[in-house]
């Protein structure tokens, strides 16, 4: 957020714990990222260790990330039809 603040551009911050994504919103976000649902998944999270992620379909992975938001890569910045996982934070500059 510091890089966004320094850019002087207006932005909206969405806390998906307070405003959970729907499955359709997550699908759209994944499409803007140009990734597969598996690429957006944080498999190293504690919550992932007890799930059989390898055998899940894309739809099941999306629902799992909706049910367990800690499993989503973050932060994600969206600008128009493009999105970027901003880890490291400097990745946001590619969208500015």
PDB file of N, CA and C in Angstrom:
ATOM      1  N   UNK A   1       0.831  -1.192   0.000  1.00  0.00           N
ATOM      2  CA  UNK A   1       0.000   0.000   0.000  1.00  0.00           C
ATOM      3  C   UNK A   1       0.871   1.249   0.000  1.00  0.00           C
ATOM      4  N   UNK A   2       2.059   1.136   0.579  1.00  0.00           N
ATOM      5  CA  UNK A   2       2.944   2.296   0.600  1.00  0.00           C
ATOM      6  C   UNK A   2       3.297   2.733  -0.821  1.00  0.00           C
ATOM      7  N   UNK A   3       3.565   1.781  -1.701  1.00  0.00           N
ATOM      8  CA  UNK A   3       3.900   2.117  -3.089  1.00  0.00           C
ATOM      9  C   UNK A   3       2.702   2.762  -3.775  1.00  0.00           C
ATOM     10  N   UNK A   4       1.508   2.247  -3.526  1.00  0.00           N
ATOM     11  CA  UNK A   4       0.303   2.853  -4.098  1.00  0.00           C
ATOM     12  C   UNK A   4       0.112   4.268  -3.565  1.00  0.00           C
ATOM     13  N   UNK A   5       0.325   4.454  -2.272  1.00  0.00           N
ATOM     14  CA  UNK A   5       0.186   5.791  -1.678  1.00  0.00           C
ATOM     15  C   UNK A   5       1.192   6.758  -2.292  1.00  0.00           C
ATOM     16  N   UNK A   6       2.426   6.294  -2.465  1.00  0.00           N
ATOM     17  CA  UNK A   6       3.473   7.143  -3.035  1.00  0.00           C
ATOM     18  C   UNK A   6       3.182   7.491  -4.496  1.00  0.00           C
ATOM     19  N   UNK A   7       2.454   6.633  -5.203  1.00  0.00           N
ATOM     20  CA  UNK A   7       2.167   6.872  -6.614  1.00  0.00           C
ATOM     21  C   UNK A   7       1.210   8.040  -6.818  1.00  0.00           C
ATOM     22  N   UNK A   8       0.448   8.378  -5.774  1.00  0.00           N
ATOM     23  CA  UNK A   8      -0.520   9.456  -5.879  1.00  0.00           C
ATOM     24  C   UNK A   8      -1.807   9.058  -6.582  1.00  0.00           C
ATOM     25  N   UNK A   9      -1.905   7.827  -6.991  1.00  0.00           N
ATOM     26  CA  UNK A   9      -3.123   7.355  -7.659  1.00  0.00           C
ATOM     27  C   UNK A   9      -4.157   6.945  -6.622  1.00  0.00           C
ATOM     28  N   UNK A  10      -5.408   7.159  -6.973  1.00  0.00           N
ATOM     29  CA  UNK A  10      -6.484   6.713  -6.093  1.00  0.00           C
ATOM     30  C   UNK A  10      -6.648   5.217  -6.248  1.00  0.00           C
ATOM     31  N   UNK A  11      -7.001   4.559  -5.156  1.00  0.00           N
ATOM     32  CA  UNK A  11      -7.237   3.124  -5.206  1.00  0.00           C
ATOM     33  C   UNK A  11      -8.235   2.737  -4.130  1.00  0.00           C
ATOM     34  N   UNK A  12      -8.802   1.579  -4.325  1.00  0.00           N
ATOM     35  CA  UNK A  12      -9.733   1.007  -3.348  1.00  0.00           C
ATOM     36  C   UNK A  12      -9.082  -0.240  -2.776  1.00  0.00           C
ATOM     37  N   UNK A  13      -9.067  -0.342  -1.470  1.00  0.00           N
ATOM     38  CA  UNK A  13      -8.522  -1.513  -0.792  1.00  0.00           C
ATOM     39  C   UNK A  13      -9.682  -2.390  -0.324  1.00  0.00           C
ATOM     40  N   UNK A  14      -9.611  -3.677  -0.658  1.00  0.00           N
ATOM     41  CA  UNK A  14     -10.659  -4.616  -0.268  1.00  0.00           C
ATOM     42  C   UNK A  14     -10.059  -5.654   0.667  1.00  0.00           C
ATOM     43  N   UNK A  15     -10.602  -5.745   1.848  1.00  0.00           N
ATOM     44  CA  UNK A  15     -10.191  -6.755   2.806  1.00  0.00           C
ATOM     45  C   UNK A  15     -11.131  -7.946   2.624  1.00  0.00           C
ATOM     46  N   UNK A  16     -10.632  -9.021   2.023  1.00  0.00           N
ATOM     47  CA  UNK A  16     -11.523 -10.132   1.700  1.00  0.00           C
ATOM     48  C   UNK A  16     -11.950 -10.932   2.917  1.00  0.00           C
ATOM     49  N   UNK A  17     -11.408 -10.628   4.084  1.00  0.00           N
ATOM     50  CA  UNK A  17     -11.938 -11.224   5.318  1.00  0.00           C
ATOM     51  C   UNK A  17     -13.236 -10.521   5.713  1.00  0.00           C
ATOM     52  N   UNK A  18     -13.271  -9.199   5.504  1.00  0.00           N
ATOM     53  CA  UNK A  18     -14.470  -8.422   5.829  1.00  0.00           C
ATOM     54  C   UNK A  18     -15.498  -8.474   4.704  1.00  0.00           C
ATOM     55  N   UNK A  19     -15.015  -8.520   3.463  1.00  0.00           N
ATOM     56  CA  UNK A  19     -15.870  -8.582   2.280  1.00  0.00           C
ATOM     57  C   UNK A  19     -15.432  -9.795   1.463  1.00  0.00           C
ATOM     58  N   UNK A  20     -15.914 -10.964   1.830  1.00  0.00           N
ATOM     59  CA  UNK A  20     -15.455 -12.189   1.144  1.00  0.00           C
ATOM     60  C   UNK A  20     -15.778 -12.171  -0.347  1.00  0.00           C
ATOM     61  N   UNK A  21     -14.883 -12.756  -1.115  1.00  0.00           N
ATOM     62  CA  UNK A  21     -15.103 -12.901  -2.552  1.00  0.00           C
ATOM     63  C   UNK A  21     -16.109 -14.018  -2.804  1.00  0.00           C
ATOM     64  N   UNK A  22     -16.853 -13.882  -3.882  1.00  0.00           N
ATOM     65  CA  UNK A  22     -17.689 -14.983  -4.334  1.00  0.00           C
ATOM     66  C   UNK A  22     -16.825 -15.842  -5.261  1.00  0.00           C
ATOM     67  N   UNK A  23     -17.306 -17.024  -5.566  1.00  0.00           N
ATOM     68  CA  UNK A  23     -16.576 -17.897  -6.487  1.00  0.00           C
ATOM     69  C   UNK A  23     -16.416 -17.223  -7.845  1.00  0.00           C
ATOM     70  N   UNK A  24     -17.465 -16.548  -8.323  1.00  0.00           N
ATOM     71  CA  UNK A  24     -17.379 -15.856  -9.615  1.00  0.00           C
ATOM     72  C   UNK A  24     -16.362 -14.721  -9.578  1.00  0.00           C
ATOM     73  N   UNK A  25     -16.316 -13.971  -8.485  1.00  0.00           N
ATOM     74  CA  UNK A  25     -15.334 -12.887  -8.355  1.00  0.00           C
ATOM     75  C   UNK A  25     -13.914 -13.440  -8.337  1.00  0.00           C
ATOM     76  N   UNK A  26     -13.707 -14.559  -7.650  1.00  0.00           N
ATOM     77  CA  UNK A  26     -12.373 -15.152  -7.612  1.00  0.00           C
ATOM     78  C   UNK A  26     -11.996 -15.685  -8.990  1.00  0.00           C
ATOM     79  N   UNK A  27     -12.934 -16.289  -9.705  1.00  0.00           N
ATOM     80  CA  UNK A  27     -12.656 -16.755 -11.076  1.00  0.00           C
ATOM     81  C   UNK A  27     -12.228 -15.577 -11.969  1.00  0.00           C
ATOM     82  N   UNK A  28     -12.945 -14.465 -11.857  1.00  0.00           N
ATOM     83  CA  UNK A  28     -12.611 -13.274 -12.641  1.00  0.00           C
ATOM     84  C   UNK A  28     -11.230 -12.744 -12.275  1.00  0.00           C
ATOM     85  N   UNK A  29     -10.928 -12.732 -10.992  1.00  0.00           N
ATOM     86  CA  UNK A  29      -9.625 -12.272 -10.529  1.00  0.00           C
ATOM     87  C   UNK A  29      -8.516 -13.179 -11.065  1.00  0.00           C
ATOM     88  N   UNK A  30      -8.732 -14.487 -11.019  1.00  0.00           N
ATOM     89  CA  UNK A  30      -7.752 -15.447 -11.531  1.00  0.00           C
ATOM     90  C   UNK A  30      -7.548 -15.240 -13.031  1.00  0.00           C
ATOM     91  N   UNK A  31      -8.624 -14.958 -13.748  1.00  0.00           N
ATOM     92  CA  UNK A  31      -8.518 -14.694 -15.188  1.00  0.00           C
ATOM     93  C   UNK A  31      -7.676 -13.443 -15.439  1.00  0.00           C
ATOM     94  N   UNK A  32      -7.907 -12.386 -14.659  1.00  0.00           N
ATOM     95  CA  UNK A  32      -7.128 -11.152 -14.814  1.00  0.00           C
ATOM     96  C   UNK A  32      -5.657 -11.378 -14.488  1.00  0.00           C
ATOM     97  N   UNK A  33      -5.388 -12.291 -13.572  1.00  0.00           N
ATOM     98  CA  UNK A  33      -4.006 -12.625 -13.231  1.00  0.00           C
ATOM     99  C   UNK A  33      -3.329 -13.423 -14.345  1.00  0.00           C
ATOM    100  N   UNK A  34      -4.138 -14.105 -15.153  1.00  0.00           N
ATOM    101  CA  UNK A  34      -3.584 -14.942 -16.207  1.00  0.00           C
ATOM    102  C   UNK A  34      -2.954 -16.206 -15.653  1.00  0.00           C
ATOM    103  N   UNK A  35      -3.477 -16.661 -14.520  1.00  0.00           N
ATOM    104  CA  UNK A  35      -2.943 -17.843 -13.844  1.00  0.00           C
ATOM    105  C   UNK A  35      -4.019 -18.905 -13.715  1.00  0.00           C
ATOM    106  N   UNK A  36      -3.633 -20.056 -13.240  1.00  0.00           N
ATOM    107  CA  UNK A  36      -4.600 -21.099 -12.904  1.00  0.00           C
ATOM    108  C   UNK A  36      -4.941 -20.970 -11.421  1.00  0.00           C
ATOM    109  N   UNK A  37      -6.051 -21.527 -10.994  1.00  0.00           N
ATOM    110  CA  UNK A  37      -6.372 -21.489  -9.562  1.00  0.00           C
ATOM    111  C   UNK A  37      -5.242 -22.061  -8.695  1.00  0.00           C
ATOM    112  N   UNK A  38      -4.582 -23.100  -9.178  1.00  0.00           N
ATOM    113  CA  UNK A  38      -3.487 -23.706  -8.409  1.00  0.00           C
ATOM    114  C   UNK A  38      -2.342 -22.715  -8.185  1.00  0.00           C
ATOM    115  N   UNK A  39      -2.109 -21.807  -9.160  1.00  0.00           N
ATOM    116  CA  UNK A  39      -1.046 -20.810  -9.018  1.00  0.00           C
ATOM    117  C   UNK A  39      -1.380 -19.714  -8.022  1.00  0.00           C
ATOM    118  N   UNK A  40      -2.648 -19.574  -7.686  1.00  0.00           N
ATOM    119  CA  UNK A  40      -3.086 -18.554  -6.731  1.00  0.00           C
ATOM    120  C   UNK A  40      -3.157 -19.135  -5.323  1.00  0.00           C
ATOM    121  N   UNK A  41      -3.031 -20.421  -5.228  1.00  0.00           N
ATOM    122  CA  UNK A  41      -3.143 -21.150  -3.961  1.00  0.00           C
ATOM    123  C   UNK A  41      -1.839 -21.080  -3.169  1.00  0.00           C
ATOM    124  N   UNK A  42      -1.949 -20.818  -1.891  1.00  0.00           N
ATOM    125  CA  UNK A  42      -0.789 -20.841  -0.988  1.00  0.00           C
ATOM    126  C   UNK A  42      -0.751 -22.207  -0.313  1.00  0.00           C
ATOM    127  N   UNK A  43      -0.060 -23.131  -0.934  1.00  0.00           N
ATOM    128  CA  UNK A  43      -0.013 -24.503  -0.436  1.00  0.00           C
ATOM    129  C   UNK A  43       0.799 -24.653   0.841  1.00  0.00           C
ATOM    130  N   UNK A  44       1.608 -23.655   1.181  1.00  0.00           N
ATOM    131  CA  UNK A  44       2.427 -23.738   2.383  1.00  0.00           C
ATOM    132  C   UNK A  44       1.695 -23.281   3.645  1.00  0.00           C
ATOM    133  N   UNK A  45       0.466 -22.814   3.502  1.00  0.00           N
ATOM    134  CA  UNK A  45      -0.323 -22.397   4.670  1.00  0.00           C
ATOM    135  C   UNK A  45      -0.706 -23.604   5.514  1.00  0.00           C
ATOM    136  N   UNK A  46      -0.799 -23.398   6.798  1.00  0.00           N
ATOM    137  CA  UNK A  46      -1.180 -24.456   7.730  1.00  0.00           C
ATOM    138  C   UNK A  46      -2.508 -25.100   7.335  1.00  0.00           C
ATOM    139  N   UNK A  47      -3.464 -24.283   6.920  1.00  0.00           N
ATOM    140  CA  UNK A  47      -4.784 -24.799   6.536  1.00  0.00           C
ATOM    141  C   UNK A  47      -4.695 -25.750   5.349  1.00  0.00           C
ATOM    142  N   UNK A  48      -3.686 -25.592   4.504  1.00  0.00           N
ATOM    143  CA  UNK A  48      -3.552 -26.432   3.314  1.00  0.00           C
ATOM    144  C   UNK A  48      -3.010 -27.814   3.634  1.00  0.00           C
ATOM    145  N   UNK A  49      -2.320 -27.950   4.713  1.00  0.00           N
ATOM    146  CA  UNK A  49      -1.655 -29.216   5.042  1.00  0.00           C
ATOM    147  C   UNK A  49      -2.621 -30.362   5.291  1.00  0.00           C
ATOM    148  N   UNK A  50      -3.839 -30.039   5.643  1.00  0.00           N
ATOM    149  CA  UNK A  50      -4.822 -31.077   5.966  1.00  0.00           C
ATOM    150  C   UNK A  50      -5.801 -31.324   4.818  1.00  0.00           C
ATOM    151  N   UNK A  51      -5.589 -30.642   3.720  1.00  0.00           N
ATOM    152  CA  UNK A  51      -6.485 -30.787   2.573  1.00  0.00           C
ATOM    153  C   UNK A  51      -5.794 -31.601   1.473  1.00  0.00           C
ATOM    154  N   UNK A  52      -6.563 -32.303   0.708  1.00  0.00           N
ATOM    155  CA  UNK A  52      -6.020 -33.083  -0.406  1.00  0.00           C
ATOM    156  C   UNK A  52      -6.058 -32.241  -1.675  1.00  0.00           C
ATOM    157  N   UNK A  53      -5.201 -31.227  -1.717  1.00  0.00           N
ATOM    158  CA  UNK A  53      -5.223 -30.244  -2.787  1.00  0.00           C
ATOM    159  C   UNK A  53      -4.827 -30.829  -4.141  1.00  0.00           C
ATOM    160  N   UNK A  54      -3.935 -31.801  -4.149  1.00  0.00           N
ATOM    161  CA  UNK A  54      -3.453 -32.367  -5.412  1.00  0.00           C
ATOM    162  C   UNK A  54      -4.560 -33.002  -6.232  1.00  0.00           C
ATOM    163  N   UNK A  55      -5.566 -33.511  -5.557  1.00  0.00           N
ATOM    164  CA  UNK A  55      -6.629 -34.218  -6.284  1.00  0.00           C
ATOM    165  C   UNK A  55      -7.843 -33.337  -6.570  1.00  0.00           C
ATOM    166  N   UNK A  56      -7.772 -32.056  -6.233  1.00  0.00           N
ATOM    167  CA  UNK A  56      -8.927 -31.160  -6.415  1.00  0.00           C
ATOM    168  C   UNK A  56      -8.986 -30.586  -7.818  1.00  0.00           C
ATOM    169  N   UNK A  57     -10.194 -30.442  -8.323  1.00  0.00           N
ATOM    170  CA  UNK A  57     -10.430 -29.753  -9.595  1.00  0.00           C
ATOM    171  C   UNK A  57     -10.258 -28.247  -9.379  1.00  0.00           C
ATOM    172  N   UNK A  58     -10.208 -27.495 -10.485  1.00  0.00           N
ATOM    173  CA  UNK A  58     -10.115 -26.035 -10.374  1.00  0.00           C
ATOM    174  C   UNK A  58     -11.297 -25.464  -9.599  1.00  0.00           C
ATOM    175  N   UNK A  59     -12.502 -25.954  -9.881  1.00  0.00           N
ATOM    176  CA  UNK A  59     -13.679 -25.461  -9.164  1.00  0.00           C
ATOM    177  C   UNK A  59     -13.588 -25.754  -7.676  1.00  0.00           C
ATOM    178  N   UNK A  60     -13.097 -26.927  -7.330  1.00  0.00           N
ATOM    179  CA  UNK A  60     -12.944 -27.281  -5.912  1.00  0.00           C
ATOM    180  C   UNK A  60     -11.874 -26.419  -5.253  1.00  0.00           C
ATOM    181  N   UNK A  61     -10.794 -26.120  -5.964  1.00  0.00           N
ATOM    182  CA  UNK A  61      -9.748 -25.241  -5.411  1.00  0.00           C
ATOM    183  C   UNK A  61     -10.298 -23.844  -5.169  1.00  0.00           C
ATOM    184  N   UNK A  62     -11.085 -23.344  -6.113  1.00  0.00           N
ATOM    185  CA  UNK A  62     -11.686 -22.012  -5.950  1.00  0.00           C
ATOM    186  C   UNK A  62     -12.586 -22.001  -4.726  1.00  0.00           C
ATOM    187  N   UNK A  63     -13.426 -23.000  -4.578  1.00  0.00           N
ATOM    188  CA  UNK A  63     -14.313 -23.048  -3.413  1.00  0.00           C
ATOM    189  C   UNK A  63     -13.523 -23.182  -2.123  1.00  0.00           C
ATOM    190  N   UNK A  64     -12.437 -23.931  -2.158  1.00  0.00           N
ATOM    191  CA  UNK A  64     -11.583 -24.089  -0.978  1.00  0.00           C
ATOM    192  C   UNK A  64     -10.959 -22.758  -0.587  1.00  0.00           C
ATOM    193  N   UNK A  65     -10.528 -21.963  -1.574  1.00  0.00           N
ATOM    194  CA  UNK A  65      -9.961 -20.645  -1.266  1.00  0.00           C
ATOM    195  C   UNK A  65     -11.024 -19.685  -0.758  1.00  0.00           C
ATOM    196  N   UNK A  66     -12.257 -19.813  -1.248  1.00  0.00           N
ATOM    197  CA  UNK A  66     -13.358 -18.986  -0.742  1.00  0.00           C
ATOM    198  C   UNK A  66     -13.632 -19.347   0.718  1.00  0.00           C
ATOM    199  N   UNK A  67     -13.642 -20.636   1.007  1.00  0.00           N
ATOM    200  CA  UNK A  67     -13.912 -21.100   2.373  1.00  0.00           C
ATOM    201  C   UNK A  67     -12.754 -20.831   3.326  1.00  0.00           C
ATOM    202  N   UNK A  68     -11.529 -20.760   2.794  1.00  0.00           N
ATOM    203  CA  UNK A  68     -10.312 -20.560   3.593  1.00  0.00           C
ATOM    204  C   UNK A  68      -9.477 -19.458   2.943  1.00  0.00           C
ATOM    205  N   UNK A  69      -9.816 -18.183   3.149  1.00  0.00           N
ATOM    206  CA  UNK A  69      -9.131 -17.088   2.451  1.00  0.00           C
ATOM    207  C   UNK A  69      -7.626 -17.037   2.689  1.00  0.00           C
ATOM    208  N   UNK A  70      -7.138 -17.621   3.777  1.00  0.00           N
ATOM    209  CA  UNK A  70      -5.689 -17.649   4.004  1.00  0.00           C
ATOM    210  C   UNK A  70      -4.966 -18.400   2.897  1.00  0.00           C
ATOM    211  N   UNK A  71      -5.676 -19.221   2.152  1.00  0.00           N
ATOM    212  CA  UNK A  71      -5.060 -20.023   1.102  1.00  0.00           C
ATOM    213  C   UNK A  71      -4.822 -19.251  -0.196  1.00  0.00           C
ATOM    214  N   UNK A  72      -5.305 -18.007  -0.276  1.00  0.00           N
ATOM    215  CA  UNK A  72      -5.105 -17.196  -1.481  1.00  0.00           C
ATOM    216  C   UNK A  72      -3.811 -16.401  -1.388  1.00  0.00           C
ATOM    217  N   UNK A  73      -3.078 -16.370  -2.506  1.00  0.00           N
ATOM    218  CA  UNK A  73      -1.916 -15.495  -2.587  1.00  0.00           C
ATOM    219  C   UNK A  73      -2.387 -14.060  -2.368  1.00  0.00           C
ATOM    220  N   UNK A  74      -1.558 -13.262  -1.766  1.00  0.00           N
ATOM    221  CA  UNK A  74      -1.912 -11.878  -1.503  1.00  0.00           C
ATOM    222  C   UNK A  74      -0.657 -11.065  -1.252  1.00  0.00           C
ATOM    223  N   UNK A  75      -0.729  -9.790  -1.414  1.00  0.00           N
ATOM    224  CA  UNK A  75      -1.863  -9.012  -1.928  1.00  0.00           C
ATOM    225  C   UNK A  75      -1.962  -9.113  -3.444  1.00  0.00           C
ATOM    226  N   UNK A  76      -3.141  -8.882  -3.933  1.00  0.00           N
ATOM    227  CA  UNK A  76      -3.390  -8.849  -5.370  1.00  0.00           C
ATOM    228  C   UNK A  76      -3.880  -7.445  -5.710  1.00  0.00           C
ATOM    229  N   UNK A  77      -3.253  -6.854  -6.717  1.00  0.00           N
ATOM    230  CA  UNK A  77      -3.642  -5.520  -7.163  1.00  0.00           C
ATOM    231  C   UNK A  77      -4.248  -5.658  -8.553  1.00  0.00           C
ATOM    232  N   UNK A  78      -5.379  -4.988  -8.749  1.00  0.00           N
ATOM    233  CA  UNK A  78      -6.102  -5.040 -10.013  1.00  0.00           C
ATOM    234  C   UNK A  78      -6.115  -3.643 -10.614  1.00  0.00           C
ATOM    235  N   UNK A  79      -5.857  -3.588 -11.907  1.00  0.00           N
ATOM    236  CA  UNK A  79      -5.995  -2.330 -12.639  1.00  0.00           C
ATOM    237  C   UNK A  79      -6.599  -2.668 -13.988  1.00  0.00           C
ATOM    238  N   UNK A  80      -7.849  -2.289 -14.167  1.00  0.00           N
ATOM    239  CA  UNK A  80      -8.547  -2.596 -15.409  1.00  0.00           C
ATOM    240  C   UNK A  80      -8.714  -4.095 -15.576  1.00  0.00           C
ATOM    241  N   UNK A  81      -8.249  -4.605 -16.702  1.00  0.00           N
ATOM    242  CA  UNK A  81      -8.375  -6.031 -16.994  1.00  0.00           C
ATOM    243  C   UNK A  81      -7.147  -6.833 -16.606  1.00  0.00           C
ATOM    244  N   UNK A  82      -6.243  -6.201 -15.869  1.00  0.00           N
ATOM    245  CA  UNK A  82      -5.014  -6.875 -15.445  1.00  0.00           C
ATOM    246  C   UNK A  82      -4.945  -6.923 -13.930  1.00  0.00           C
ATOM    247  N   UNK A  83      -4.268  -7.941 -13.444  1.00  0.00           N
ATOM    248  CA  UNK A  83      -4.036  -8.062 -12.004  1.00  0.00           C
ATOM    249  C   UNK A  83      -2.651  -8.648 -11.806  1.00  0.00           C
ATOM    250  N   UNK A  84      -2.106  -8.432 -10.628  1.00  0.00           N
ATOM    251  CA  UNK A  84      -0.756  -8.895 -10.311  1.00  0.00           C
ATOM    252  C   UNK A  84      -0.714  -9.285  -8.840  1.00  0.00           C
ATOM    253  N   UNK A  85      -0.106 -10.438  -8.562  1.00  0.00           N
ATOM    254  CA  UNK A  85       0.185 -10.786  -7.171  1.00  0.00           C
ATOM    255  C   UNK A  85       1.382  -9.938  -6.775  1.00  0.00           C
ATOM    256  N   UNK A  86       1.229  -9.135  -5.767  1.00  0.00           N
ATOM    257  CA  UNK A  86       2.258  -8.152  -5.406  1.00  0.00           C
ATOM    258  C   UNK A  86       3.096  -8.623  -4.221  1.00  0.00           C
ATOM    259  N   UNK A  87       3.663  -9.757  -4.417  1.00  0.00           N
ATOM    260  CA  UNK A  87       4.648 -10.294  -3.496  1.00  0.00           C
ATOM    261  C   UNK A  87       5.830 -10.681  -4.352  1.00  0.00           C
ATOM    262  N   UNK A  88       6.885  -9.937  -4.372  1.00  0.00           N
ATOM    263  CA  UNK A  88       7.201  -8.808  -3.499  1.00  0.00           C
ATOM    264  C   UNK A  88       6.378  -7.561  -3.876  1.00  0.00           C
ATOM    265  N   UNK A  89       6.267  -6.636  -2.943  1.00  0.00           N
ATOM    266  CA  UNK A  89       5.426  -5.448  -3.145  1.00  0.00           C
ATOM    267  C   UNK A  89       5.784  -4.636  -4.393  1.00  0.00           C
ATOM    268  N   UNK A  90       7.038  -4.678  -4.830  1.00  0.00           N
ATOM    269  CA  UNK A  90       7.467  -3.907  -5.994  1.00  0.00           C
ATOM    270  C   UNK A  90       6.747  -4.337  -7.269  1.00  0.00           C
ATOM    271  N   UNK A  91       6.135  -5.524  -7.273  1.00  0.00           N
ATOM    272  CA  UNK A  91       5.398  -5.982  -8.451  1.00  0.00           C
ATOM    273  C   UNK A  91       4.271  -5.034  -8.830  1.00  0.00           C
ATOM    274  N   UNK A  92       3.790  -4.253  -7.863  1.00  0.00           N
ATOM    275  CA  UNK A  92       2.687  -3.331  -8.159  1.00  0.00           C
ATOM    276  C   UNK A  92       3.109  -2.289  -9.200  1.00  0.00           C
ATOM    277  N   UNK A  93       4.375  -1.992  -9.280  1.00  0.00           N
ATOM    278  CA  UNK A  93       4.847  -0.970 -10.233  1.00  0.00           C
ATOM    279  C   UNK A  93       4.564  -1.389 -11.683  1.00  0.00           C
ATOM    280  N   UNK A  94       4.448  -2.691 -11.938  1.00  0.00           N
ATOM    281  CA  UNK A  94       4.154  -3.159 -13.287  1.00  0.00           C
ATOM    282  C   UNK A  94       2.752  -2.740 -13.733  1.00  0.00           C
ATOM    283  N   UNK A  95       1.882  -2.420 -12.786  1.00  0.00           N
ATOM    284  CA  UNK A  95       0.520  -2.003 -13.107  1.00  0.00           C
ATOM    285  C   UNK A  95       0.325  -0.498 -13.101  1.00  0.00           C
ATOM    286  N   UNK A  96       1.292   0.233 -12.592  1.00  0.00           N
ATOM    287  CA  UNK A  96       1.140   1.698 -12.477  1.00  0.00           C
ATOM    288  C   UNK A  96       1.477   2.405 -13.781  1.00  0.00           C
TER     289      UNK A  96
END
